[in-house]
Amino acid sequence: MLVAGAWLGSLLPDADRAGSRIYRARKLERRVWPLRLVGWLARIPLRLLILLGHRGLTHSLLACAGVAALGWLLAPALGAGLALGYGSHLAPDACTP
């Protein structure tokens, strides 16, 4: 759960960019049609983040804390992984213009 959360958390901050990797179907999703449908439906709310503009709200510590808190409600290890992954994405982005 920790590793899966870190992987997902590292992709989430760029959900505000249209061509982001989080919107691409993974290999398993492409092979199993029920997973493809679930993945497509799960990405619908994320598509609204594109309206915010890149490096806006999703690139903040408040968003990191919110995502980690929601993950923590599902499983503490997931919340910790999301926080680690999200933070590891924000740190290098803070060093670039």
Protein backbone atom coordinates (compact mmCIF):
# COMPACT_ATOMS: atom_id res chain seq x y z
CA MET A 1 0.00 0.00 0.00
CA LEU A 2 2.87 2.34 0.81
CA VAL A 3 4.58 1.88 -2.56
CA ALA A 4 1.31 2.08 -4.51
CA GLY A 5 0.38 5.25 -2.65
CA ALA A 6 3.79 6.80 -3.32
CA TRP A 7 3.50 5.99 -7.01
CA LEU A 8 0.01 7.46 -7.25
CA GLY A 9 0.96 10.45 -5.11
CA SER A 10 3.87 11.30 -7.38
CA LEU A 11 1.50 11.50 -10.37
CA LEU A 12 -1.36 13.43 -8.76
CA PRO A 13 0.14 16.96 -8.69
CA ASP A 14 0.28 17.02 -12.48
CA ALA A 15 -3.41 16.13 -12.83
CA ASP A 16 -3.93 19.81 -13.70
CA ARG A 17 -2.08 19.32 -17.00
CA ALA A 18 -4.00 17.82 -19.94
CA GLY A 19 -1.23 15.54 -21.20
CA SER A 20 -0.30 14.18 -17.79
CA ARG A 21 0.70 10.55 -17.28
CA ILE A 22 -2.12 10.03 -14.79
CA TYR A 23 -4.64 10.15 -17.65
CA ARG A 24 -2.98 7.38 -19.65
CA ALA A 25 -4.27 3.83 -19.30
CA ARG A 26 -1.76 1.36 -17.90
CA LYS A 27 -0.95 -1.96 -19.55
CA LEU A 28 -3.28 -3.94 -17.29
CA GLU A 29 -6.13 -1.51 -18.02
CA ARG A 30 -5.63 -1.90 -21.75
CA ARG A 31 -5.80 -5.70 -21.49
CA VAL A 32 -8.76 -6.12 -19.12
CA TRP A 33 -11.86 -4.22 -20.26
CA PRO A 34 -13.55 -3.95 -16.80
CA LEU A 35 -10.40 -2.28 -15.46
CA ARG A 36 -10.39 0.04 -18.45
CA LEU A 37 -13.93 1.13 -17.59
CA VAL A 38 -13.10 1.59 -13.90
CA GLY A 39 -9.98 3.60 -14.76
CA TRP A 40 -11.90 5.79 -17.18
CA LEU A 41 -14.62 6.49 -14.59
CA ALA A 42 -12.07 7.17 -11.85
CA ARG A 43 -10.33 9.77 -13.99
CA ILE A 44 -13.47 11.82 -14.70
CA PRO A 45 -13.27 13.96 -11.51
CA LEU A 46 -9.56 14.53 -12.12
CA ARG A 47 -10.31 16.03 -15.54
CA LEU A 48 -11.89 19.02 -13.80
CA LEU A 49 -8.47 19.93 -12.39
CA ILE A 50 -7.33 20.89 -15.89
CA LEU A 51 -9.40 24.06 -15.51
CA LEU A 52 -7.16 25.24 -12.65
CA GLY A 53 -3.99 25.72 -14.68
CA HIS A 54 -0.66 24.01 -14.19
CA ARG A 55 1.22 24.44 -10.90
CA GLY A 56 -1.75 26.00 -9.21
CA LEU A 57 -3.72 24.47 -6.37
CA THR A 58 -2.47 20.93 -7.02
CA HIS A 59 1.12 22.05 -6.42
CA SER A 60 0.52 23.18 -2.84
CA LEU A 61 1.14 21.70 0.58
CA LEU A 62 -2.57 22.08 1.29
CA ALA A 63 -3.39 19.72 -1.58
CA CYS A 64 -0.70 17.31 -0.37
CA ALA A 65 -2.22 17.28 3.12
CA GLY A 66 -5.73 16.81 1.73
CA VAL A 67 -4.75 13.89 -0.48
CA ALA A 68 -2.82 12.28 2.36
CA ALA A 69 -5.76 12.70 4.74
CA LEU A 70 -8.18 11.09 2.28
CA GLY A 71 -5.76 8.22 1.72
CA TRP A 72 -5.30 7.83 5.47
CA LEU A 73 -9.06 7.31 5.84
CA LEU A 74 -8.86 4.35 3.46
CA ALA A 75 -5.67 2.87 4.90
CA PRO A 76 -2.92 4.48 6.99
CA ALA A 77 -0.18 3.01 4.78
CA LEU A 78 -1.89 4.42 1.69
CA GLY A 79 -2.08 7.88 3.26
CA ALA A 80 1.60 7.77 4.20
CA GLY A 81 2.54 6.66 0.68
CA LEU A 82 0.45 9.38 -0.92
CA ALA A 83 2.11 11.99 1.29
CA LEU A 84 5.60 10.71 0.42
CA GLY A 85 4.90 10.55 -3.31
CA TYR A 86 3.14 13.90 -3.44
CA GLY A 87 5.91 15.56 -1.45
CA SER A 88 8.59 13.98 -3.60
CA HIS A 89 6.92 15.55 -6.64
CA LEU A 90 6.52 18.98 -5.07
CA ALA A 91 10.11 19.27 -3.81
CA PRO A 92 11.85 19.19 -7.22
CA ASP A 93 9.08 21.29 -8.79
CA ALA A 94 9.75 23.98 -6.16
CA CYS A 95 13.34 24.20 -7.43
CA THR A 96 12.38 24.95 -11.03
CA PRO A 97 10.71 28.01 -12.56
